[in-house]
Amino acid sequence: MNLTISGHHVEVTPALREYVSNKLERVMRHFDQVVEIIVVLSVDNSKEKDRRQKVSCTVRVKGRDIFVENTDADLYAAIDILVDKLDRQVGKYKEKQTMKKGAESVKYMEKE
């Protein structure tokens, strides 16, 4: 699994890189088919001061790309909320995959 963390108008410090990778471990624990994760940290020059910090994440799994983004006044808070959203989306994808596999086995069961 490749993890790419980049910054747009933000310097990605080792502490910030470590924080993001620790948070993303939670997603990796639930789902082992992740091929690549790309995280982009950025600062927008918007007039809304409470929405300047932006985090976007693309997770490439087998068969699909999952994209999540979040904005907040604090970059660490934006990362926390993004990981929660990402965890929910990966959980939904995993559930759909297991339902498809389970549906095949039920379809071919013999009647009693």
PDB file of N, CA and C in Angstrom:
ATOM      1  N   MET A   1       0.835  -1.167   0.000  1.00  0.00           N
ATOM      2  CA  MET A   1       0.000   0.000   0.000  1.00  0.00           C
ATOM      3  C   MET A   1       0.884   1.237   0.000  1.00  0.00           C
ATOM      4  N   ASN A   2       0.608   2.135  -0.921  1.00  0.00           N
ATOM      5  CA  ASN A   2       1.350   3.393  -1.015  1.00  0.00           C
ATOM      6  C   ASN A   2       0.563   4.495  -0.328  1.00  0.00           C
ATOM      7  N   LEU A   3       1.248   5.285   0.498  1.00  0.00           N
ATOM      8  CA  LEU A   3       0.644   6.432   1.157  1.00  0.00           C
ATOM      9  C   LEU A   3       1.387   7.674   0.702  1.00  0.00           C
ATOM     10  N   THR A   4       0.664   8.593   0.049  1.00  0.00           N
ATOM     11  CA  THR A   4       1.247   9.841  -0.429  1.00  0.00           C
ATOM     12  C   THR A   4       0.555  10.987   0.285  1.00  0.00           C
ATOM     13  N   ILE A   5       1.347  11.802   0.988  1.00  0.00           N
ATOM     14  CA  ILE A   5       0.815  12.969   1.689  1.00  0.00           C
ATOM     15  C   ILE A   5       1.511  14.189   1.111  1.00  0.00           C
ATOM     16  N   SER A   6       0.728  15.103   0.541  1.00  0.00           N
ATOM     17  CA  SER A   6       1.307  16.305  -0.056  1.00  0.00           C
ATOM     18  C   SER A   6       0.568  17.533   0.449  1.00  0.00           C
ATOM     19  N   GLY A   7       1.209  18.678   0.310  1.00  0.00           N
ATOM     20  CA  GLY A   7       0.619  19.926   0.769  1.00  0.00           C
ATOM     21  C   GLY A   7       0.532  20.941  -0.346  1.00  0.00           C
ATOM     22  N   HIS A   8      -0.530  21.708  -0.341  1.00  0.00           N
ATOM     23  CA  HIS A   8      -0.736  22.790  -1.302  1.00  0.00           C
ATOM     24  C   HIS A   8      -0.863  24.072  -0.483  1.00  0.00           C
ATOM     25  N   HIS A   9       0.156  24.908  -0.521  1.00  0.00           N
ATOM     26  CA  HIS A   9       0.261  26.104   0.314  1.00  0.00           C
ATOM     27  C   HIS A   9       0.392  25.744   1.789  1.00  0.00           C
ATOM     28  N   VAL A  10       0.798  24.520   2.075  1.00  0.00           N
ATOM     29  CA  VAL A  10       1.011  24.054   3.446  1.00  0.00           C
ATOM     30  C   VAL A  10       2.289  23.233   3.455  1.00  0.00           C
ATOM     31  N   GLU A  11       3.131  23.475   4.445  1.00  0.00           N
ATOM     32  CA  GLU A  11       4.315  22.639   4.608  1.00  0.00           C
ATOM     33  C   GLU A  11       3.916  21.406   5.412  1.00  0.00           C
ATOM     34  N   VAL A  12       4.192  20.246   4.867  1.00  0.00           N
ATOM     35  CA  VAL A  12       3.854  18.996   5.544  1.00  0.00           C
ATOM     36  C   VAL A  12       5.026  18.637   6.455  1.00  0.00           C
ATOM     37  N   THR A  13       4.839  18.883   7.738  1.00  0.00           N
ATOM     38  CA  THR A  13       5.885  18.602   8.718  1.00  0.00           C
ATOM     39  C   THR A  13       5.879  17.119   9.064  1.00  0.00           C
ATOM     40  N   PRO A  14       6.972  16.620   9.619  1.00  0.00           N
ATOM     41  CA  PRO A  14       6.977  15.206  10.041  1.00  0.00           C
ATOM     42  C   PRO A  14       5.892  14.888  11.067  1.00  0.00           C
ATOM     43  N   ALA A  15       5.596  15.842  11.956  1.00  0.00           N
ATOM     44  CA  ALA A  15       4.537  15.615  12.948  1.00  0.00           C
ATOM     45  C   ALA A  15       3.174  15.495  12.268  1.00  0.00           C
ATOM     46  N   LEU A  16       2.922  16.330  11.281  1.00  0.00           N
ATOM     47  CA  LEU A  16       1.659  16.280  10.544  1.00  0.00           C
ATOM     48  C   LEU A  16       1.560  14.997   9.731  1.00  0.00           C
ATOM     49  N   ARG A  17       2.664  14.588   9.122  1.00  0.00           N
ATOM     50  CA  ARG A  17       2.699  13.340   8.356  1.00  0.00           C
ATOM     51  C   ARG A  17       2.420  12.140   9.270  1.00  0.00           C
ATOM     52  N   GLU A  18       3.013  12.151  10.455  1.00  0.00           N
ATOM     53  CA  GLU A  18       2.803  11.063  11.416  1.00  0.00           C
ATOM     54  C   GLU A  18       1.349  11.037  11.898  1.00  0.00           C
ATOM     55  N   TYR A  19       0.766  12.215  12.133  1.00  0.00           N
ATOM     56  CA  TYR A  19      -0.623  12.302  12.586  1.00  0.00           C
ATOM     57  C   TYR A  19      -1.576  11.717  11.544  1.00  0.00           C
ATOM     58  N   VAL A  20      -1.368  12.083  10.287  1.00  0.00           N
ATOM     59  CA  VAL A  20      -2.232  11.581   9.213  1.00  0.00           C
ATOM     60  C   VAL A  20      -2.081  10.071   9.061  1.00  0.00           C
ATOM     61  N   SER A  21      -0.850   9.579   9.078  1.00  0.00           N
ATOM     62  CA  SER A  21      -0.652   8.136   8.896  1.00  0.00           C
ATOM     63  C   SER A  21      -1.214   7.338  10.063  1.00  0.00           C
ATOM     64  N   ASN A  22      -1.115   7.865  11.285  1.00  0.00           N
ATOM     65  CA  ASN A  22      -1.714   7.174  12.436  1.00  0.00           C
ATOM     66  C   ASN A  22      -3.232   7.130  12.332  1.00  0.00           C
ATOM     67  N   LYS A  23      -3.831   8.207  11.877  1.00  0.00           N
ATOM     68  CA  LYS A  23      -5.287   8.240  11.729  1.00  0.00           C
ATOM     69  C   LYS A  23      -5.757   7.292  10.628  1.00  0.00           C
ATOM     70  N   LEU A  24      -4.990   7.180   9.555  1.00  0.00           N
ATOM     71  CA  LEU A  24      -5.392   6.317   8.444  1.00  0.00           C
ATOM     72  C   LEU A  24      -5.202   4.833   8.747  1.00  0.00           C
ATOM     73  N   GLU A  25      -4.437   4.517   9.789  1.00  0.00           N
ATOM     74  CA  GLU A  25      -4.285   3.115  10.181  1.00  0.00           C
ATOM     75  C   GLU A  25      -5.628   2.511  10.584  1.00  0.00           C
ATOM     76  N   ARG A  26      -6.513   3.325  11.130  1.00  0.00           N
ATOM     77  CA  ARG A  26      -7.841   2.847  11.523  1.00  0.00           C
ATOM     78  C   ARG A  26      -8.616   2.329  10.320  1.00  0.00           C
ATOM     79  N   VAL A  27      -8.497   3.022   9.207  1.00  0.00           N
ATOM     80  CA  VAL A  27      -9.171   2.591   7.980  1.00  0.00           C
ATOM     81  C   VAL A  27      -8.526   1.310   7.461  1.00  0.00           C
ATOM     82  N   MET A  28      -7.216   1.246   7.526  1.00  0.00           N
ATOM     83  CA  MET A  28      -6.498   0.072   7.036  1.00  0.00           C
ATOM     84  C   MET A  28      -6.815  -1.177   7.862  1.00  0.00           C
ATOM     85  N   ARG A  29      -7.071  -0.995   9.138  1.00  0.00           N
ATOM     86  CA  ARG A  29      -7.392  -2.131   9.999  1.00  0.00           C
ATOM     87  C   ARG A  29      -8.693  -2.799   9.582  1.00  0.00           C
ATOM     88  N   HIS A  30      -9.646  -2.012   9.124  1.00  0.00           N
ATOM     89  CA  HIS A  30     -10.956  -2.546   8.759  1.00  0.00           C
ATOM     90  C   HIS A  30     -10.983  -3.163   7.367  1.00  0.00           C
ATOM     91  N   PHE A  31     -10.076  -2.743   6.520  1.00  0.00           N
ATOM     92  CA  PHE A  31     -10.164  -3.147   5.122  1.00  0.00           C
ATOM     93  C   PHE A  31      -8.759  -3.357   4.581  1.00  0.00           C
ATOM     94  N   ASP A  32      -8.460  -4.550   4.104  1.00  0.00           N
ATOM     95  CA  ASP A  32      -7.098  -4.869   3.692  1.00  0.00           C
ATOM     96  C   ASP A  32      -6.870  -4.799   2.181  1.00  0.00           C
ATOM     97  N   GLN A  33      -7.860  -4.411   1.408  1.00  0.00           N
ATOM     98  CA  GLN A  33      -7.716  -4.374  -0.044  1.00  0.00           C
ATOM     99  C   GLN A  33      -7.344  -2.989  -0.573  1.00  0.00           C
ATOM    100  N   VAL A  34      -6.800  -2.127   0.270  1.00  0.00           N
ATOM    101  CA  VAL A  34      -6.414  -0.785  -0.154  1.00  0.00           C
ATOM    102  C   VAL A  34      -5.104  -0.868  -0.933  1.00  0.00           C
ATOM    103  N   VAL A  35      -5.099  -0.274  -2.128  1.00  0.00           N
ATOM    104  CA  VAL A  35      -3.918  -0.284  -2.983  1.00  0.00           C
ATOM    105  C   VAL A  35      -3.086   0.977  -2.767  1.00  0.00           C
ATOM    106  N   GLU A  36      -3.758   2.136  -2.690  1.00  0.00           N
ATOM    107  CA  GLU A  36      -3.045   3.405  -2.583  1.00  0.00           C
ATOM    108  C   GLU A  36      -3.921   4.434  -1.882  1.00  0.00           C
ATOM    109  N   ILE A  37      -3.290   5.302  -1.091  1.00  0.00           N
ATOM    110  CA  ILE A  37      -3.984   6.416  -0.440  1.00  0.00           C
ATOM    111  C   ILE A  37      -3.228   7.695  -0.782  1.00  0.00           C
ATOM    112  N   ILE A  38      -3.966   8.684  -1.288  1.00  0.00           N
ATOM    113  CA  ILE A  38      -3.378   9.983  -1.623  1.00  0.00           C
ATOM    114  C   ILE A  38      -4.088  11.042  -0.781  1.00  0.00           C
ATOM    115  N   VAL A  39      -3.328  11.757   0.046  1.00  0.00           N
ATOM    116  CA  VAL A  39      -3.875  12.796   0.915  1.00  0.00           C
ATOM    117  C   VAL A  39      -3.278  14.129   0.488  1.00  0.00           C
ATOM    118  N   VAL A  40      -4.142  15.134   0.301  1.00  0.00           N
ATOM    119  CA  VAL A  40      -3.693  16.478  -0.060  1.00  0.00           C
ATOM    120  C   VAL A  40      -4.192  17.439   1.006  1.00  0.00           C
ATOM    121  N   LEU A  41      -3.255  18.115   1.655  1.00  0.00           N
ATOM    122  CA  LEU A  41      -3.566  19.128   2.661  1.00  0.00           C
ATOM    123  C   LEU A  41      -3.398  20.486   1.999  1.00  0.00           C
ATOM    124  N   SER A  42      -4.376  21.374   2.165  1.00  0.00           N
ATOM    125  CA  SER A  42      -4.267  22.674   1.501  1.00  0.00           C
ATOM    126  C   SER A  42      -4.920  23.764   2.329  1.00  0.00           C
ATOM    127  N   VAL A  43      -4.571  24.996   1.987  1.00  0.00           N
ATOM    128  CA  VAL A  43      -5.166  26.176   2.605  1.00  0.00           C
ATOM    129  C   VAL A  43      -5.819  26.973   1.493  1.00  0.00           C
ATOM    130  N   ASP A  44      -7.115  27.229   1.629  1.00  0.00           N
ATOM    131  CA  ASP A  44      -7.839  28.030   0.644  1.00  0.00           C
ATOM    132  C   ASP A  44      -7.788  29.494   1.047  1.00  0.00           C
ATOM    133  N   ASN A  45      -7.790  30.352   0.086  1.00  0.00           N
ATOM    134  CA  ASN A  45      -7.820  31.787   0.341  1.00  0.00           C
ATOM    135  C   ASN A  45      -9.252  32.296   0.287  1.00  0.00           C
ATOM    136  N   SER A  46     -10.136  31.616   0.971  1.00  0.00           N
ATOM    137  CA  SER A  46     -11.537  32.028   0.965  1.00  0.00           C
ATOM    138  C   SER A  46     -11.767  33.089   2.033  1.00  0.00           C
ATOM    139  N   LYS A  47     -12.868  33.787   1.915  1.00  0.00           N
ATOM    140  CA  LYS A  47     -13.201  34.818   2.889  1.00  0.00           C
ATOM    141  C   LYS A  47     -13.738  34.224   4.183  1.00  0.00           C
ATOM    142  N   GLU A  48     -14.207  33.002   4.113  1.00  0.00           N
ATOM    143  CA  GLU A  48     -14.696  32.331   5.313  1.00  0.00           C
ATOM    144  C   GLU A  48     -13.501  31.817   6.103  1.00  0.00           C
ATOM    145  N   LYS A  49     -13.205  32.432   7.219  1.00  0.00           N
ATOM    146  CA  LYS A  49     -12.028  32.048   7.985  1.00  0.00           C
ATOM    147  C   LYS A  49     -12.194  30.704   8.672  1.00  0.00           C
ATOM    148  N   ASP A  50     -13.429  30.278   8.880  1.00  0.00           N
ATOM    149  CA  ASP A  50     -13.631  28.995   9.553  1.00  0.00           C
ATOM    150  C   ASP A  50     -13.597  27.822   8.579  1.00  0.00           C
ATOM    151  N   ARG A  51     -13.361  28.068   7.312  1.00  0.00           N
ATOM    152  CA  ARG A  51     -13.333  26.991   6.313  1.00  0.00           C
ATOM    153  C   ARG A  51     -12.055  27.032   5.461  1.00  0.00           C
ATOM    154  N   ARG A  52     -10.971  27.526   5.992  1.00  0.00           N
ATOM    155  CA  ARG A  52      -9.765  27.679   5.174  1.00  0.00           C
ATOM    156  C   ARG A  52      -8.956  26.404   5.029  1.00  0.00           C
ATOM    157  N   GLN A  53      -8.887  25.587   6.049  1.00  0.00           N
ATOM    158  CA  GLN A  53      -8.070  24.373   6.005  1.00  0.00           C
ATOM    159  C   GLN A  53      -8.846  23.270   5.299  1.00  0.00           C
ATOM    160  N   LYS A  54      -8.255  22.704   4.260  1.00  0.00           N
ATOM    161  CA  LYS A  54      -8.949  21.697   3.461  1.00  0.00           C
ATOM    162  C   LYS A  54      -8.095  20.437   3.378  1.00  0.00           C
ATOM    163  N   VAL A  55      -8.736  19.303   3.550  1.00  0.00           N
ATOM    164  CA  VAL A  55      -8.071  18.010   3.440  1.00  0.00           C
ATOM    165  C   VAL A  55      -8.877  17.168   2.467  1.00  0.00           C
ATOM    166  N   SER A  56      -8.210  16.591   1.481  1.00  0.00           N
ATOM    167  CA  SER A  56      -8.883  15.673   0.566  1.00  0.00           C
ATOM    168  C   SER A  56      -8.093  14.377   0.517  1.00  0.00           C
ATOM    169  N   CYS A  57      -8.815  13.290   0.342  1.00  0.00           N
ATOM    170  CA  CYS A  57      -8.194  11.970   0.372  1.00  0.00           C
ATOM    171  C   CYS A  57      -8.829  11.090  -0.698  1.00  0.00           C
ATOM    172  N   THR A  58      -7.989  10.428  -1.469  1.00  0.00           N
ATOM    173  CA  THR A  58      -8.438   9.456  -2.453  1.00  0.00           C
ATOM    174  C   THR A  58      -7.880   8.100  -2.057  1.00  0.00           C
ATOM    175  N   VAL A  59      -8.772   7.145  -1.874  1.00  0.00           N
ATOM    176  CA  VAL A  59      -8.370   5.790  -1.510  1.00  0.00           C
ATOM    177  C   VAL A  59      -8.678   4.892  -2.692  1.00  0.00           C
ATOM    178  N   ARG A  60      -7.662   4.239  -3.193  1.00  0.00           N
ATOM    179  CA  ARG A  60      -7.846   3.315  -4.310  1.00  0.00           C
ATOM    180  C   ARG A  60      -7.893   1.900  -3.758  1.00  0.00           C
ATOM    181  N   VAL A  61      -9.040   1.276  -3.938  1.00  0.00           N
ATOM    182  CA  VAL A  61      -9.212  -0.121  -3.554  1.00  0.00           C
ATOM    183  C   VAL A  61      -9.440  -0.912  -4.832  1.00  0.00           C
ATOM    184  N   LYS A  62      -9.448  -2.201  -4.701  1.00  0.00           N
ATOM    185  CA  LYS A  62      -9.655  -3.036  -5.883  1.00  0.00           C
ATOM    186  C   LYS A  62     -11.044  -2.782  -6.443  1.00  0.00           C
ATOM    187  N   GLY A  63     -11.107  -2.213  -7.632  1.00  0.00           N
ATOM    188  CA  GLY A  63     -12.378  -2.013  -8.299  1.00  0.00           C
ATOM    189  C   GLY A  63     -13.014  -0.658  -8.135  1.00  0.00           C
ATOM    190  N   ARG A  64     -12.451   0.229  -7.277  1.00  0.00           N
ATOM    191  CA  ARG A  64     -13.123   1.501  -7.048  1.00  0.00           C
ATOM    192  C   ARG A  64     -12.170   2.507  -6.419  1.00  0.00           C
ATOM    193  N   ASP A  65     -12.438   3.791  -6.646  1.00  0.00           N
ATOM    194  CA  ASP A  65     -11.746   4.877  -5.956  1.00  0.00           C
ATOM    195  C   ASP A  65     -12.743   5.543  -5.023  1.00  0.00           C
ATOM    196  N   ILE A  66     -12.337   5.773  -3.797  1.00  0.00           N
ATOM    197  CA  ILE A  66     -13.183   6.436  -2.809  1.00  0.00           C
ATOM    198  C   ILE A  66     -12.568   7.803  -2.541  1.00  0.00           C
ATOM    199  N   PHE A  67     -13.365   8.873  -2.727  1.00  0.00           N
ATOM    200  CA  PHE A  67     -12.878  10.239  -2.550  1.00  0.00           C
ATOM    201  C   PHE A  67     -13.648  10.909  -1.424  1.00  0.00           C
ATOM    202  N   VAL A  68     -12.910  11.534  -0.510  1.00  0.00           N
ATOM    203  CA  VAL A  68     -13.510  12.241   0.618  1.00  0.00           C
ATOM    204  C   VAL A  68     -12.748  13.547   0.798  1.00  0.00           C
ATOM    205  N   GLU A  69     -13.476  14.620   1.141  1.00  0.00           N
ATOM    206  CA  GLU A  69     -12.805  15.874   1.471  1.00  0.00           C
ATOM    207  C   GLU A  69     -13.544  16.571   2.597  1.00  0.00           C
ATOM    208  N   ASN A  70     -12.811  17.436   3.306  1.00  0.00           N
ATOM    209  CA  ASN A  70     -13.396  18.152   4.424  1.00  0.00           C
ATOM    210  C   ASN A  70     -12.664  19.478   4.604  1.00  0.00           C
ATOM    211  N   THR A  71     -13.387  20.497   5.071  1.00  0.00           N
ATOM    212  CA  THR A  71     -12.792  21.792   5.375  1.00  0.00           C
ATOM    213  C   THR A  71     -13.138  22.178   6.799  1.00  0.00           C
ATOM    214  N   ASP A  72     -12.219  22.900   7.436  1.00  0.00           N
ATOM    215  CA  ASP A  72     -12.431  23.330   8.813  1.00  0.00           C
ATOM    216  C   ASP A  72     -11.459  24.468   9.105  1.00  0.00           C
ATOM    217  N   ALA A  73     -11.648  25.124  10.249  1.00  0.00           N
ATOM    218  CA  ALA A  73     -10.731  26.180  10.653  1.00  0.00           C
ATOM    219  C   ALA A  73      -9.401  25.598  11.121  1.00  0.00           C
ATOM    220  N   ASP A  74      -9.430  24.411  11.713  1.00  0.00           N
ATOM    221  CA  ASP A  74      -8.236  23.748  12.225  1.00  0.00           C
ATOM    222  C   ASP A  74      -7.907  22.549  11.343  1.00  0.00           C
ATOM    223  N   LEU A  75      -6.655  22.423  10.945  1.00  0.00           N
ATOM    224  CA  LEU A  75      -6.253  21.339  10.049  1.00  0.00           C
ATOM    225  C   LEU A  75      -6.387  19.974  10.722  1.00  0.00           C
ATOM    226  N   TYR A  76      -6.040  19.894  11.997  1.00  0.00           N
ATOM    227  CA  TYR A  76      -6.140  18.620  12.709  1.00  0.00           C
ATOM    228  C   TYR A  76      -7.594  18.182  12.865  1.00  0.00           C
ATOM    229  N   ALA A  77      -8.489  19.135  13.118  1.00  0.00           N
ATOM    230  CA  ALA A  77      -9.919  18.810  13.209  1.00  0.00           C
ATOM    231  C   ALA A  77     -10.446  18.356  11.850  1.00  0.00           C
ATOM    232  N   ALA A  78      -9.979  18.989  10.784  1.00  0.00           N
ATOM    233  CA  ALA A  78     -10.396  18.588   9.435  1.00  0.00           C
ATOM    234  C   ALA A  78      -9.939  17.169   9.132  1.00  0.00           C
ATOM    235  N   ILE A  79      -8.734  16.807   9.580  1.00  0.00           N
ATOM    236  CA  ILE A  79      -8.227  15.446   9.372  1.00  0.00           C
ATOM    237  C   ILE A  79      -9.069  14.445  10.145  1.00  0.00           C
ATOM    238  N   ASP A  80      -9.417  14.772  11.393  1.00  0.00           N
ATOM    239  CA  ASP A  80     -10.227  13.864  12.210  1.00  0.00           C
ATOM    240  C   ASP A  80     -11.583  13.589  11.569  1.00  0.00           C
ATOM    241  N   ILE A  81     -12.249  14.633  11.116  1.00  0.00           N
ATOM    242  CA  ILE A  81     -13.569  14.471  10.496  1.00  0.00           C
ATOM    243  C   ILE A  81     -13.446  13.719   9.176  1.00  0.00           C
ATOM    244  N   LEU A  82     -12.390  14.003   8.414  1.00  0.00           N
ATOM    245  CA  LEU A  82     -12.165  13.303   7.151  1.00  0.00           C
ATOM    246  C   LEU A  82     -11.992  11.805   7.380  1.00  0.00           C
ATOM    247  N   VAL A  83     -11.240  11.424   8.394  1.00  0.00           N
ATOM    248  CA  VAL A  83     -11.021  10.000   8.667  1.00  0.00           C
ATOM    249  C   VAL A  83     -12.327   9.331   9.078  1.00  0.00           C
ATOM    250  N   ASP A  84     -13.179  10.030   9.831  1.00  0.00           N
ATOM    251  CA  ASP A  84     -14.490   9.468  10.183  1.00  0.00           C
ATOM    252  C   ASP A  84     -15.336   9.234   8.932  1.00  0.00           C
ATOM    253  N   LYS A  85     -15.362  10.218   8.032  1.00  0.00           N
ATOM    254  CA  LYS A  85     -16.114  10.065   6.782  1.00  0.00           C
ATOM    255  C   LYS A  85     -15.558   8.920   5.942  1.00  0.00           C
ATOM    256  N   LEU A  86     -14.243   8.852   5.868  1.00  0.00           N
ATOM    257  CA  LEU A  86     -13.586   7.812   5.082  1.00  0.00           C
ATOM    258  C   LEU A  86     -13.869   6.431   5.653  1.00  0.00           C
ATOM    259  N   ASP A  87     -13.860   6.322   6.961  1.00  0.00           N
ATOM    260  CA  ASP A  87     -14.145   5.043   7.608  1.00  0.00           C
ATOM    261  C   ASP A  87     -15.563   4.575   7.286  1.00  0.00           C
ATOM    262  N   ARG A  88     -16.520   5.503   7.285  1.00  0.00           N
ATOM    263  CA  ARG A  88     -17.899   5.145   6.937  1.00  0.00           C
ATOM    264  C   ARG A  88     -18.006   4.690   5.485  1.00  0.00           C
ATOM    265  N   GLN A  89     -17.351   5.403   4.576  1.00  0.00           N
ATOM    266  CA  GLN A  89     -17.444   5.035   3.158  1.00  0.00           C
ATOM    267  C   GLN A  89     -16.761   3.705   2.870  1.00  0.00           C
ATOM    268  N   VAL A  90     -15.616   3.463   3.493  1.00  0.00           N
ATOM    269  CA  VAL A  90     -14.930   2.187   3.298  1.00  0.00           C
ATOM    270  C   VAL A  90     -15.764   1.058   3.892  1.00  0.00           C
ATOM    271  N   GLY A  91     -16.418   1.319   5.027  1.00  0.00           N
ATOM    272  CA  GLY A  91     -17.304   0.316   5.624  1.00  0.00           C
ATOM    273  C   GLY A  91     -18.472  -0.024   4.717  1.00  0.00           C
ATOM    274  N   LYS A  92     -19.064   0.995   4.088  1.00  0.00           N
ATOM    275  CA  LYS A  92     -20.163   0.753   3.147  1.00  0.00           C
ATOM    276  C   LYS A  92     -19.694  -0.066   1.956  1.00  0.00           C
ATOM    277  N   TYR A  93     -18.515   0.266   1.437  1.00  0.00           N
ATOM    278  CA  TYR A  93     -17.978  -0.469   0.294  1.00  0.00           C
ATOM    279  C   TYR A  93     -17.708  -1.921   0.674  1.00  0.00           C
ATOM    280  N   LYS A  94     -17.135  -2.122   1.838  1.00  0.00           N
ATOM    281  CA  LYS A  94     -16.832  -3.481   2.297  1.00  0.00           C
ATOM    282  C   LYS A  94     -18.116  -4.281   2.490  1.00  0.00           C
ATOM    283  N   GLU A  95     -19.148  -3.633   3.041  1.00  0.00           N
ATOM    284  CA  GLU A  95     -20.431  -4.306   3.245  1.00  0.00           C
ATOM    285  C   GLU A  95     -21.067  -4.695   1.914  1.00  0.00           C
ATOM    286  N   LYS A  96     -20.988  -3.810   0.931  1.00  0.00           N
ATOM    287  CA  LYS A  96     -21.539  -4.132  -0.390  1.00  0.00           C
ATOM    288  C   LYS A  96     -20.805  -5.308  -1.017  1.00  0.00           C
ATOM    289  N   GLN A  97     -19.493  -5.349  -0.847  1.00  0.00           N
ATOM    290  CA  GLN A  97     -18.715  -6.451  -1.404  1.00  0.00           C
ATOM    291  C   GLN A  97     -19.085  -7.777  -0.741  1.00  0.00           C
ATOM    292  N   THR A  98     -19.261  -7.779   0.570  1.00  0.00           N
ATOM    293  CA  THR A  98     -19.618  -9.024   1.252  1.00  0.00           C
ATOM    294  C   THR A  98     -21.048  -9.432   0.926  1.00  0.00           C
ATOM    295  N   MET A  99     -21.931  -8.461   0.706  1.00  0.00           N
ATOM    296  CA  MET A  99     -23.308  -8.792   0.331  1.00  0.00           C
ATOM    297  C   MET A  99     -23.338  -9.425  -1.058  1.00  0.00           C
ATOM    298  N   LYS A 100     -22.511  -8.940  -1.963  1.00  0.00           N
ATOM    299  CA  LYS A 100     -22.461  -9.526  -3.300  1.00  0.00           C
ATOM    300  C   LYS A 100     -21.950 -10.956  -3.239  1.00  0.00           C
ATOM    301  N   LYS A 101     -20.934 -11.192  -2.430  1.00  0.00           N
ATOM    302  CA  LYS A 101     -20.395 -12.544  -2.296  1.00  0.00           C
ATOM    303  C   LYS A 101     -21.411 -13.461  -1.636  1.00  0.00           C
ATOM    304  N   GLY A 102     -22.110 -12.962  -0.630  1.00  0.00           N
ATOM    305  CA  GLY A 102     -23.121 -13.759   0.051  1.00  0.00           C
ATOM    306  C   GLY A 102     -24.313 -14.042  -0.833  1.00  0.00           C
ATOM    307  N   ALA A 103     -24.671 -13.119  -1.700  1.00  0.00           N
ATOM    308  CA  ALA A 103     -25.817 -13.299  -2.590  1.00  0.00           C
ATOM    309  C   ALA A 103     -25.554 -14.410  -3.595  1.00  0.00           C
ATOM    310  N   GLU A 104     -24.321 -14.553  -4.029  1.00  0.00           N
ATOM    311  CA  GLU A 104     -24.004 -15.618  -4.973  1.00  0.00           C
ATOM    312  C   GLU A 104     -24.202 -16.986  -4.338  1.00  0.00           C
ATOM    313  N   SER A 105     -23.797 -17.133  -3.098  1.00  0.00           N
ATOM    314  CA  SER A 105     -23.924 -18.438  -2.461  1.00  0.00           C
ATOM    315  C   SER A 105     -25.388 -18.766  -2.168  1.00  0.00           C
ATOM    316  N   VAL A 106     -26.188 -17.775  -1.849  1.00  0.00           N
ATOM    317  CA  VAL A 106     -27.606 -18.016  -1.592  1.00  0.00           C
ATOM    318  C   VAL A 106     -28.320 -18.351  -2.897  1.00  0.00           C
ATOM    319  N   LYS A 107     -27.922 -17.743  -3.984  1.00  0.00           N
ATOM    320  CA  LYS A 107     -28.568 -17.951  -5.268  1.00  0.00           C
ATOM    321  C   LYS A 107     -28.436 -19.407  -5.722  1.00  0.00           C
ATOM    322  N   TYR A 108     -27.321 -20.029  -5.407  1.00  0.00           N
ATOM    323  CA  TYR A 108     -27.079 -21.383  -5.884  1.00  0.00           C
ATOM    324  C   TYR A 108     -27.422 -22.466  -4.861  1.00  0.00           C
ATOM    325  N   MET A 109     -28.072 -22.102  -3.786  1.00  0.00           N
ATOM    326  CA  MET A 109     -28.455 -23.108  -2.793  1.00  0.00           C
ATOM    327  C   MET A 109     -29.611 -23.949  -3.325  1.00  0.00           C
ATOM    328  N   GLU A 110     -29.613 -25.207  -2.953  1.00  0.00           N
ATOM    329  CA  GLU A 110     -30.692 -26.100  -3.391  1.00  0.00           C
ATOM    330  C   GLU A 110     -31.907 -25.929  -2.488  1.00  0.00           C
ATOM    331  N   LYS A 111     -33.077 -26.133  -3.071  1.00  0.00           N
ATOM    332  CA  LYS A 111     -34.305 -26.070  -2.291  1.00  0.00           C
ATOM    333  C   LYS A 111     -34.479 -27.377  -1.540  1.00  0.00           C
ATOM    334  N   GLU A 112     -35.052 -27.265  -0.358  1.00  0.00           N
ATOM    335  CA  GLU A 112     -35.276 -28.482   0.437  1.00  0.00           C
ATOM    336  C   GLU A 112     -36.635 -29.063   0.180  1.00  0.00           C
TER     337      GLU A 112
END
